Amino acid sequence: MVSDPRVLPWSEQTRLALEKLAGDTASGVRLVRGMEAAPQPMEPPSWVVGVADYEPCRPEELPHGYASGWRYTIPLVNMPQYLEYLVLRLRTLNVAIEIGAISSFKEVGGSARILVNCTGLGSRFLVPDDEVFPTRGQLVVVDNPGIDTFFQDHAEHADLTYFLPHGSRVVLGGDATPGSEDLTPDPVAATAIVERCAAVEPLLRNARVRRILVGLRPTRPQVRVESDSIDGVPVIHNYGHGGSGLTLSWGCADEVLTLSGLQ
């Protein structure tokens, strides 16, 4: 995915869109300041330096085990509230929302001028696309012990460390297991997530666990956003975002709009 030159502009476009939404308290989007840190000396990604309040961390400010880091403010999204907000926007525009199962694009080929395929893992069978595979991810939700800043590490491994405050709760992460479709919560992995986060922020060590969340990320070597024709039905694909679905969402949506020719 990172090899796609469109990823950075998509991400930047999404960040700017979410920053605007943060002005609407109903959206579930808030602007929160926090820290990103890396275990090795490194320069921050180019996009970070462009954030208005970007600030490099001094060595003494970094958590144990980290060699470089920086602070900045980004939009944090309370996903349940955000999804409800998006649904409300659609209904306000009189957009019908129907939920059902299909086995081919032919079944819905005449229902709209343009079909946009956002079926994620379902694209394995619906397209079909054998480059799509699941990546199992697990998060831990705890009571907020008084945290109002976020933390995320910048590391090249599956066991990432991050915590995101959302009012009375904090979302802790995370892990990634490519190819696994097991949705059973793993208490050992959950304990490891809490321990990694508590090593950065000790207040989290004894926070009450509310939920352990497990989901499957629709992963692909490269995000697929392009026009296609399947069984004579014109389709615009928008899937394969892995764990970056939110990060790329508004940028990819604008790309779909451009491909549709409706602008």
C-alpha atoms as a PDB file:
ATOM      1  CA  MET A   1       0.000   0.000   0.000  1.00  0.00           C
ATOM      2  CA  VAL A   2       2.749   2.453   0.925  1.00  0.00           C
ATOM      3  CA  SER A   3       4.237   2.026  -2.553  1.00  0.00           C
ATOM      4  CA  ASP A   4       1.238   3.803  -4.066  1.00  0.00           C
ATOM      5  CA  PRO A   5       2.223   7.453  -4.656  1.00  0.00           C
ATOM      6  CA  ARG A   6      -1.381   8.478  -4.026  1.00  0.00           C
ATOM      7  CA  VAL A   7      -1.318   7.397  -0.364  1.00  0.00           C
ATOM      8  CA  LEU A   8       0.285  10.568   1.029  1.00  0.00           C
ATOM      9  CA  PRO A   9      -2.044  13.002  -0.784  1.00  0.00           C
ATOM     10  CA  TRP A  10      -5.044  10.839   0.150  1.00  0.00           C
ATOM     11  CA  SER A  11      -3.945  10.925   3.797  1.00  0.00           C
ATOM     12  CA  GLU A  12      -3.382  14.673   3.773  1.00  0.00           C
ATOM     13  CA  GLN A  13      -6.757  15.313   2.159  1.00  0.00           C
ATOM     14  CA  THR A  14      -8.446  13.137   4.773  1.00  0.00           C
ATOM     15  CA  ARG A  15      -6.678  14.885   7.654  1.00  0.00           C
ATOM     16  CA  LEU A  16      -7.807  18.289   6.411  1.00  0.00           C
ATOM     17  CA  ALA A  17     -11.391  17.060   5.933  1.00  0.00           C
ATOM     18  CA  LEU A  18     -11.490  15.628   9.459  1.00  0.00           C
ATOM     19  CA  GLU A  19     -10.056  18.827  10.900  1.00  0.00           C
ATOM     20  CA  LYS A  20     -13.042  20.668   9.433  1.00  0.00           C
ATOM     21  CA  LEU A  21     -15.458  18.091  10.846  1.00  0.00           C
ATOM     22  CA  ALA A  22     -13.937  18.614  14.290  1.00  0.00           C
ATOM     23  CA  GLY A  23     -15.795  21.929  14.353  1.00  0.00           C
ATOM     24  CA  ASP A  24     -19.074  19.980  14.550  1.00  0.00           C
ATOM     25  CA  THR A  25     -19.453  18.368  17.976  1.00  0.00           C
ATOM     26  CA  ALA A  26     -21.959  15.881  16.554  1.00  0.00           C
ATOM     27  CA  SER A  27     -19.331  14.395  14.235  1.00  0.00           C
ATOM     28  CA  GLY A  28     -17.364  12.479  16.863  1.00  0.00           C
ATOM     29  CA  VAL A  29     -14.155  14.103  15.603  1.00  0.00           C
ATOM     30  CA  ARG A  30     -11.902  16.047  17.992  1.00  0.00           C
ATOM     31  CA  LEU A  31      -8.499  17.693  17.584  1.00  0.00           C
ATOM     32  CA  VAL A  32      -6.095  16.154  20.100  1.00  0.00           C
ATOM     33  CA  ARG A  33      -2.426  16.817  20.704  1.00  0.00           C
ATOM     34  CA  GLY A  34      -0.064  13.953  21.347  1.00  0.00           C
ATOM     35  CA  MET A  35       3.253  12.272  20.675  1.00  0.00           C
ATOM     36  CA  GLU A  36       4.609   9.907  18.063  1.00  0.00           C
ATOM     37  CA  ALA A  37       7.903   8.223  18.900  1.00  0.00           C
ATOM     38  CA  ALA A  38      10.329   5.806  17.252  1.00  0.00           C
ATOM     39  CA  PRO A  39      12.734   3.301  18.844  1.00  0.00           C
ATOM     40  CA  GLN A  40      15.525   4.419  16.524  1.00  0.00           C
ATOM     41  CA  PRO A  41      16.863   7.864  15.631  1.00  0.00           C
ATOM     42  CA  MET A  42      14.950   9.181  12.632  1.00  0.00           C
ATOM     43  CA  GLU A  43      13.461  12.257  11.056  1.00  0.00           C
ATOM     44  CA  PRO A  44       9.657  12.582  11.198  1.00  0.00           C
ATOM     45  CA  PRO A  45       7.605  11.804   8.090  1.00  0.00           C
ATOM     46  CA  SER A  46       7.402  14.773   5.754  1.00  0.00           C
ATOM     47  CA  TRP A  47       3.680  15.313   6.332  1.00  0.00           C
ATOM     48  CA  VAL A  48       4.184  15.682  10.098  1.00  0.00           C
ATOM     49  CA  VAL A  49       6.490  18.656   9.674  1.00  0.00           C
ATOM     50  CA  GLY A  50       3.699  20.398   7.787  1.00  0.00           C
ATOM     51  CA  VAL A  51       1.268  20.201  10.724  1.00  0.00           C
ATOM     52  CA  ALA A  52       0.862  23.663  12.234  1.00  0.00           C
ATOM     53  CA  ASP A  53       1.946  22.830  15.795  1.00  0.00           C
ATOM     54  CA  TYR A  54       4.621  20.239  14.965  1.00  0.00           C
ATOM     55  CA  GLU A  55       7.336  20.163  17.604  1.00  0.00           C
ATOM     56  CA  PRO A  56      10.319  17.780  17.930  1.00  0.00           C
ATOM     57  CA  CYS A  57      10.733  16.127  21.331  1.00  0.00           C
ATOM     58  CA  ARG A  58      13.812  16.568  23.458  1.00  0.00           C
ATOM     59  CA  PRO A  59      15.549  13.301  24.478  1.00  0.00           C
ATOM     60  CA  GLU A  60      14.441  13.664  28.101  1.00  0.00           C
ATOM     61  CA  GLU A  61      10.798  13.936  27.024  1.00  0.00           C
ATOM     62  CA  LEU A  62      10.736  10.552  25.299  1.00  0.00           C
ATOM     63  CA  PRO A  63       9.402   7.407  26.998  1.00  0.00           C
ATOM     64  CA  HIS A  64      11.927   4.713  27.872  1.00  0.00           C
ATOM     65  CA  GLY A  65      13.023   2.732  24.824  1.00  0.00           C
ATOM     66  CA  TYR A  66      12.414   5.503  22.300  1.00  0.00           C
ATOM     67  CA  ALA A  67      15.178   7.439  20.546  1.00  0.00           C
ATOM     68  CA  SER A  68      13.259  10.095  18.631  1.00  0.00           C
ATOM     69  CA  GLY A  69       9.822  11.639  18.626  1.00  0.00           C
ATOM     70  CA  TRP A  70       7.643  14.622  17.872  1.00  0.00           C
ATOM     71  CA  ARG A  71       4.408  16.209  19.002  1.00  0.00           C
ATOM     72  CA  TYR A  72       1.538  17.464  16.898  1.00  0.00           C
ATOM     73  CA  THR A  73      -2.258  17.796  16.854  1.00  0.00           C
ATOM     74  CA  ILE A  74      -4.386  15.487  14.718  1.00  0.00           C
ATOM     75  CA  PRO A  75      -8.072  14.579  14.466  1.00  0.00           C
ATOM     76  CA  LEU A  76      -9.120  11.654  16.670  1.00  0.00           C
ATOM     77  CA  VAL A  77     -12.342   9.934  15.667  1.00  0.00           C
ATOM     78  CA  ASN A  78     -14.872   8.277  17.954  1.00  0.00           C
ATOM     79  CA  MET A  79     -15.904   5.710  15.357  1.00  0.00           C
ATOM     80  CA  PRO A  80     -19.400   4.728  16.634  1.00  0.00           C
ATOM     81  CA  GLN A  81     -20.441   8.384  16.859  1.00  0.00           C
ATOM     82  CA  TYR A  82     -18.736   9.236  13.555  1.00  0.00           C
ATOM     83  CA  LEU A  83     -20.536   6.466  11.673  1.00  0.00           C
ATOM     84  CA  GLU A  84     -23.881   7.586  13.088  1.00  0.00           C
ATOM     85  CA  TYR A  85     -23.055  11.126  11.972  1.00  0.00           C
ATOM     86  CA  LEU A  86     -22.297   9.969   8.410  1.00  0.00           C
ATOM     87  CA  VAL A  87     -25.535   7.979   8.274  1.00  0.00           C
ATOM     88  CA  LEU A  88     -27.463  11.048   9.432  1.00  0.00           C
ATOM     89  CA  ARG A  89     -25.845  13.131   6.681  1.00  0.00           C
ATOM     90  CA  LEU A  90     -26.958  10.592   4.083  1.00  0.00           C
ATOM     91  CA  ARG A  91     -30.513  10.500   5.412  1.00  0.00           C
ATOM     92  CA  THR A  92     -30.648  14.304   5.449  1.00  0.00           C
ATOM     93  CA  LEU A  93     -29.869  14.163   1.727  1.00  0.00           C
ATOM     94  CA  ASN A  94     -32.627  11.553   1.240  1.00  0.00           C
ATOM     95  CA  VAL A  95     -30.120   8.815   0.383  1.00  0.00           C
ATOM     96  CA  ALA A  96     -31.653   5.376   0.830  1.00  0.00           C
ATOM     97  CA  ILE A  97     -29.607   2.896   2.850  1.00  0.00           C
ATOM     98  CA  GLU A  98     -30.289  -0.781   2.205  1.00  0.00           C
ATOM     99  CA  ILE A  99     -28.384  -3.729   3.658  1.00  0.00           C
ATOM    100  CA  GLY A 100     -28.320  -7.078   1.914  1.00  0.00           C
ATOM    101  CA  ALA A 101     -26.128  -9.786   0.425  1.00  0.00           C
ATOM    102  CA  ILE A 102     -25.202 -10.165  -3.233  1.00  0.00           C
ATOM    103  CA  SER A 103     -23.148 -12.777  -5.053  1.00  0.00           C
ATOM    104  CA  SER A 104     -22.382 -10.751  -8.206  1.00  0.00           C
ATOM    105  CA  PHE A 105     -22.428  -7.193  -9.476  1.00  0.00           C
ATOM    106  CA  LYS A 106     -25.008  -8.240 -12.067  1.00  0.00           C
ATOM    107  CA  GLU A 107     -27.616  -8.428  -9.307  1.00  0.00           C
ATOM    108  CA  VAL A 108     -27.342  -4.669  -8.711  1.00  0.00           C
ATOM    109  CA  GLY A 109     -26.074  -3.580 -12.126  1.00  0.00           C
ATOM    110  CA  GLY A 110     -29.198  -1.622 -13.059  1.00  0.00           C
ATOM    111  CA  SER A 111     -29.883  -0.085  -9.668  1.00  0.00           C
ATOM    112  CA  ALA A 112     -27.668   3.001 -10.049  1.00  0.00           C
ATOM    113  CA  ARG A 113     -25.735   4.982 -12.631  1.00  0.00           C
ATOM    114  CA  ILE A 114     -22.468   4.074 -10.921  1.00  0.00           C
ATOM    115  CA  LEU A 115     -21.530   1.181  -8.633  1.00  0.00           C
ATOM    116  CA  VAL A 116     -18.722   1.748  -6.134  1.00  0.00           C
ATOM    117  CA  ASN A 117     -17.238  -1.418  -4.708  1.00  0.00           C
ATOM    118  CA  CYS A 118     -16.320  -0.816  -1.058  1.00  0.00           C
ATOM    119  CA  THR A 119     -16.835  -4.426   0.037  1.00  0.00           C
ATOM    120  CA  GLY A 120     -13.425  -4.862   1.670  1.00  0.00           C
ATOM    121  CA  LEU A 121     -12.765  -8.544   2.343  1.00  0.00           C
ATOM    122  CA  GLY A 122     -15.866  -9.379   0.325  1.00  0.00           C
ATOM    123  CA  SER A 123     -13.931  -8.372  -2.782  1.00  0.00           C
ATOM    124  CA  ARG A 124     -12.041 -11.664  -2.499  1.00  0.00           C
ATOM    125  CA  PHE A 125     -15.130 -13.415  -3.794  1.00  0.00           C
ATOM    126  CA  LEU A 126     -17.207 -10.675  -5.413  1.00  0.00           C
ATOM    127  CA  VAL A 127     -14.602  -9.367  -7.882  1.00  0.00           C
ATOM    128  CA  PRO A 128     -12.910 -11.895  -7.354  1.00  0.00           C
ATOM    129  CA  ASP A 129      -9.519 -10.601  -6.164  1.00  0.00           C
ATOM    130  CA  ASP A 130      -7.093 -13.136  -4.707  1.00  0.00           C
ATOM    131  CA  GLU A 131      -4.697 -10.356  -3.651  1.00  0.00           C
ATOM    132  CA  VAL A 132      -7.023  -9.399  -0.789  1.00  0.00           C
ATOM    133  CA  PHE A 133      -6.427 -11.104   2.550  1.00  0.00           C
ATOM    134  CA  PRO A 134      -7.521 -10.535   6.166  1.00  0.00           C
ATOM    135  CA  THR A 135      -5.263  -9.093   8.828  1.00  0.00           C
ATOM    136  CA  ARG A 136      -6.572  -9.782  12.297  1.00  0.00           C
ATOM    137  CA  GLY A 137      -6.334  -6.858  14.695  1.00  0.00           C
ATOM    138  CA  GLN A 138      -7.065  -6.586  18.408  1.00  0.00           C
ATOM    139  CA  LEU A 139      -7.691  -3.520  20.580  1.00  0.00           C
ATOM    140  CA  VAL A 140      -8.385  -3.031  24.276  1.00  0.00           C
ATOM    141  CA  VAL A 141     -10.828  -0.407  25.580  1.00  0.00           C
ATOM    142  CA  VAL A 142     -10.261   0.776  29.163  1.00  0.00           C
ATOM    143  CA  ASP A 143     -11.682   3.378  31.524  1.00  0.00           C
ATOM    144  CA  ASN A 144      -9.890   6.688  31.113  1.00  0.00           C
ATOM    145  CA  PRO A 145      -7.712   7.271  34.200  1.00  0.00           C
ATOM    146  CA  GLY A 146      -7.152  10.925  33.303  1.00  0.00           C
ATOM    147  CA  ILE A 147      -5.443  10.930  29.899  1.00  0.00           C
ATOM    148  CA  ASP A 148      -6.133  13.701  27.389  1.00  0.00           C
ATOM    149  CA  THR A 149      -3.240  13.240  24.931  1.00  0.00           C
ATOM    150  CA  PHE A 150      -2.554  10.441  22.467  1.00  0.00           C
ATOM    151  CA  PHE A 151       0.570   8.347  21.898  1.00  0.00           C
ATOM    152  CA  GLN A 152       1.611   6.166  18.986  1.00  0.00           C
ATOM    153  CA  ASP A 153       4.876   4.517  18.138  1.00  0.00           C
ATOM    154  CA  HIS A 154       6.530   4.582  14.743  1.00  0.00           C
ATOM    155  CA  ALA A 155       7.823   1.052  14.372  1.00  0.00           C
ATOM    156  CA  GLU A 156       8.103  -1.585  11.657  1.00  0.00           C
ATOM    157  CA  HIS A 157       6.518  -4.554  13.412  1.00  0.00           C
ATOM    158  CA  ALA A 158       3.080  -6.041  14.016  1.00  0.00           C
ATOM    159  CA  ASP A 159       2.835  -5.177  17.722  1.00  0.00           C
ATOM    160  CA  LEU A 160       2.286  -1.438  17.687  1.00  0.00           C
ATOM    161  CA  THR A 161       1.857   0.629  20.824  1.00  0.00           C
ATOM    162  CA  TYR A 162      -0.693   3.416  20.884  1.00  0.00           C
ATOM    163  CA  PHE A 163      -3.423   4.861  23.079  1.00  0.00           C
ATOM    164  CA  LEU A 164      -6.204   7.176  21.966  1.00  0.00           C
ATOM    165  CA  PRO A 165      -8.352   9.005  24.558  1.00  0.00           C
ATOM    166  CA  HIS A 166     -12.064   9.321  23.833  1.00  0.00           C
ATOM    167  CA  GLY A 167     -13.717  10.974  26.789  1.00  0.00           C
ATOM    168  CA  SER A 168     -14.402   8.401  29.495  1.00  0.00           C
ATOM    169  CA  ARG A 169     -12.528   5.639  27.664  1.00  0.00           C
ATOM    170  CA  VAL A 170      -9.145   5.033  26.084  1.00  0.00           C
ATOM    171  CA  VAL A 171      -8.520   2.740  23.111  1.00  0.00           C
ATOM    172  CA  LEU A 172      -5.257   0.805  23.426  1.00  0.00           C
ATOM    173  CA  GLY A 173      -3.498  -0.978  20.593  1.00  0.00           C
ATOM    174  CA  GLY A 174      -2.587  -3.036  19.025  1.00  0.00           C
ATOM    175  CA  ASP A 175      -1.527  -6.056  17.037  1.00  0.00           C
ATOM    176  CA  ALA A 176      -1.799  -7.396  13.505  1.00  0.00           C
ATOM    177  CA  THR A 177      -1.828 -11.029  12.367  1.00  0.00           C
ATOM    178  CA  PRO A 178      -1.855 -11.347   8.560  1.00  0.00           C
ATOM    179  CA  GLY A 179      -3.966 -14.194   7.214  1.00  0.00           C
ATOM    180  CA  SER A 180      -5.850 -14.882  10.455  1.00  0.00           C
ATOM    181  CA  GLU A 181      -9.656 -14.770  10.485  1.00  0.00           C
ATOM    182  CA  ASP A 182     -10.020 -15.742  14.152  1.00  0.00           C
ATOM    183  CA  LEU A 183     -12.387 -13.275  15.844  1.00  0.00           C
ATOM    184  CA  THR A 184     -11.929 -14.775  19.315  1.00  0.00           C
ATOM    185  CA  PRO A 185     -10.382 -12.272  21.762  1.00  0.00           C
ATOM    186  CA  ASP A 186      -6.903 -13.309  22.930  1.00  0.00           C
ATOM    187  CA  PRO A 187      -6.466 -12.405  26.623  1.00  0.00           C
ATOM    188  CA  VAL A 188      -2.699 -12.936  26.481  1.00  0.00           C
ATOM    189  CA  ALA A 189      -2.352 -10.508  23.584  1.00  0.00           C
ATOM    190  CA  ALA A 190      -4.689  -8.073  25.372  1.00  0.00           C
ATOM    191  CA  THR A 191      -2.490  -8.146  28.484  1.00  0.00           C
ATOM    192  CA  ALA A 192       0.568  -7.487  26.324  1.00  0.00           C
ATOM    193  CA  ILE A 193      -1.144  -4.486  24.731  1.00  0.00           C
ATOM    194  CA  VAL A 194      -1.982  -3.016  28.145  1.00  0.00           C
ATOM    195  CA  GLU A 195       1.566  -3.611  29.377  1.00  0.00           C
ATOM    196  CA  ARG A 196       3.139  -1.889  26.356  1.00  0.00           C
ATOM    197  CA  CYS A 197       0.852   1.116  26.752  1.00  0.00           C
ATOM    198  CA  ALA A 198       1.404   1.253  30.530  1.00  0.00           C
ATOM    199  CA  ALA A 199       5.165   1.310  29.966  1.00  0.00           C
ATOM    200  CA  VAL A 200       4.600   4.635  28.181  1.00  0.00           C
ATOM    201  CA  GLU A 201       1.789   5.931  30.430  1.00  0.00           C
ATOM    202  CA  PRO A 202       1.742   4.281  33.910  1.00  0.00           C
ATOM    203  CA  LEU A 203      -1.783   5.572  34.591  1.00  0.00           C
ATOM    204  CA  LEU A 204      -3.049   2.867  32.229  1.00  0.00           C
ATOM    205  CA  ARG A 205      -1.606  -0.038  34.208  1.00  0.00           C
ATOM    206  CA  ASN A 206      -4.587  -0.469  36.513  1.00  0.00           C
ATOM    207  CA  ALA A 207      -7.310   0.966  34.296  1.00  0.00           C
ATOM    208  CA  ARG A 208     -10.437  -1.187  34.195  1.00  0.00           C
ATOM    209  CA  VAL A 209     -10.794  -3.092  30.941  1.00  0.00           C
ATOM    210  CA  ARG A 210     -14.180  -2.468  29.349  1.00  0.00           C
ATOM    211  CA  ARG A 211     -13.896  -4.496  26.153  1.00  0.00           C
ATOM    212  CA  ILE A 212     -11.494  -6.416  23.964  1.00  0.00           C
ATOM    213  CA  LEU A 213     -12.252  -5.737  20.307  1.00  0.00           C
ATOM    214  CA  VAL A 214     -11.208  -7.978  17.430  1.00  0.00           C
ATOM    215  CA  GLY A 215     -11.666  -7.211  13.757  1.00  0.00           C
ATOM    216  CA  LEU A 216     -10.368  -8.111  10.312  1.00  0.00           C
ATOM    217  CA  ARG A 217      -8.641  -5.509   8.154  1.00  0.00           C
ATOM    218  CA  PRO A 218      -9.068  -5.918   4.378  1.00  0.00           C
ATOM    219  CA  THR A 219      -5.412  -5.925   3.332  1.00  0.00           C
ATOM    220  CA  ARG A 220      -3.948  -5.837  -0.142  1.00  0.00           C
ATOM    221  CA  PRO A 221      -0.415  -5.175  -1.454  1.00  0.00           C
ATOM    222  CA  GLN A 222      -1.800  -1.948  -2.933  1.00  0.00           C
ATOM    223  CA  VAL A 223      -5.051  -0.083  -2.355  1.00  0.00           C
ATOM    224  CA  ARG A 224      -7.328  -0.549  -5.350  1.00  0.00           C
ATOM    225  CA  VAL A 225      -9.092   2.624  -6.453  1.00  0.00           C
ATOM    226  CA  GLU A 226      -9.828   2.378 -10.160  1.00  0.00           C
ATOM    227  CA  SER A 227     -12.541   1.935 -12.778  1.00  0.00           C
ATOM    228  CA  ASP A 228     -13.395  -1.549 -14.015  1.00  0.00           C
ATOM    229  CA  SER A 229     -16.027  -3.526 -15.882  1.00  0.00           C
ATOM    230  CA  ILE A 230     -17.164  -6.861 -14.480  1.00  0.00           C
ATOM    231  CA  ASP A 231     -19.612  -8.973 -16.455  1.00  0.00           C
ATOM    232  CA  GLY A 232     -20.511  -5.860 -18.423  1.00  0.00           C
ATOM    233  CA  VAL A 233     -21.264  -3.837 -15.285  1.00  0.00           C
ATOM    234  CA  PRO A 234     -19.199  -0.628 -14.801  1.00  0.00           C
ATOM    235  CA  VAL A 235     -17.691  -0.535 -11.319  1.00  0.00           C
ATOM    236  CA  ILE A 236     -15.358   1.802  -9.446  1.00  0.00           C
ATOM    237  CA  HIS A 237     -13.306  -0.157  -6.911  1.00  0.00           C
ATOM    238  CA  ASN A 238     -12.349   1.315  -3.546  1.00  0.00           C
ATOM    239  CA  TYR A 239     -10.956  -1.409  -1.267  1.00  0.00           C
ATOM    240  CA  GLY A 240      -7.814  -2.979   0.138  1.00  0.00           C
ATOM    241  CA  HIS A 241      -6.981  -0.233   2.663  1.00  0.00           C
ATOM    242  CA  GLY A 242      -5.839  -2.586   5.433  1.00  0.00           C
ATOM    243  CA  GLY A 243      -5.609  -0.723   8.737  1.00  0.00           C
ATOM    244  CA  SER A 244      -5.638   2.679   7.008  1.00  0.00           C
ATOM    245  CA  GLY A 245      -9.287   2.840   5.999  1.00  0.00           C
ATOM    246  CA  LEU A 246     -10.050   5.950   8.043  1.00  0.00           C
ATOM    247  CA  THR A 247      -6.698   7.570   7.261  1.00  0.00           C
ATOM    248  CA  LEU A 248      -7.310   7.358   3.516  1.00  0.00           C
ATOM    249  CA  SER A 249     -11.114   7.629   3.500  1.00  0.00           C
ATOM    250  CA  TRP A 250     -11.819  11.177   2.294  1.00  0.00           C
ATOM    251  CA  GLY A 251      -8.926  11.176  -0.148  1.00  0.00           C
ATOM    252  CA  CYS A 252     -10.065   7.905  -1.717  1.00  0.00           C
ATOM    253  CA  ALA A 253     -13.671   9.113  -1.808  1.00  0.00           C
ATOM    254  CA  ASP A 254     -12.585  12.173  -3.776  1.00  0.00           C
ATOM    255  CA  GLU A 255     -10.630   9.925  -6.153  1.00  0.00           C
ATOM    256  CA  VAL A 256     -13.795   7.869  -6.705  1.00  0.00           C
ATOM    257  CA  LEU A 257     -15.738  11.049  -7.417  1.00  0.00           C
ATOM    258  CA  THR A 258     -13.143  12.068  -9.996  1.00  0.00           C
ATOM    259  CA  LEU A 259     -13.289   8.640 -11.650  1.00  0.00           C
ATOM    260  CA  SER A 260     -17.081   8.839 -11.749  1.00  0.00           C
ATOM    261  CA  GLY A 261     -17.010  11.935 -13.953  1.00  0.00           C
ATOM    262  CA  LEU A 262     -19.718  13.556 -11.825  1.00  0.00           C
ATOM    263  CA  GLN A 263     -17.631  16.488 -10.621  1.00  0.00           C
END
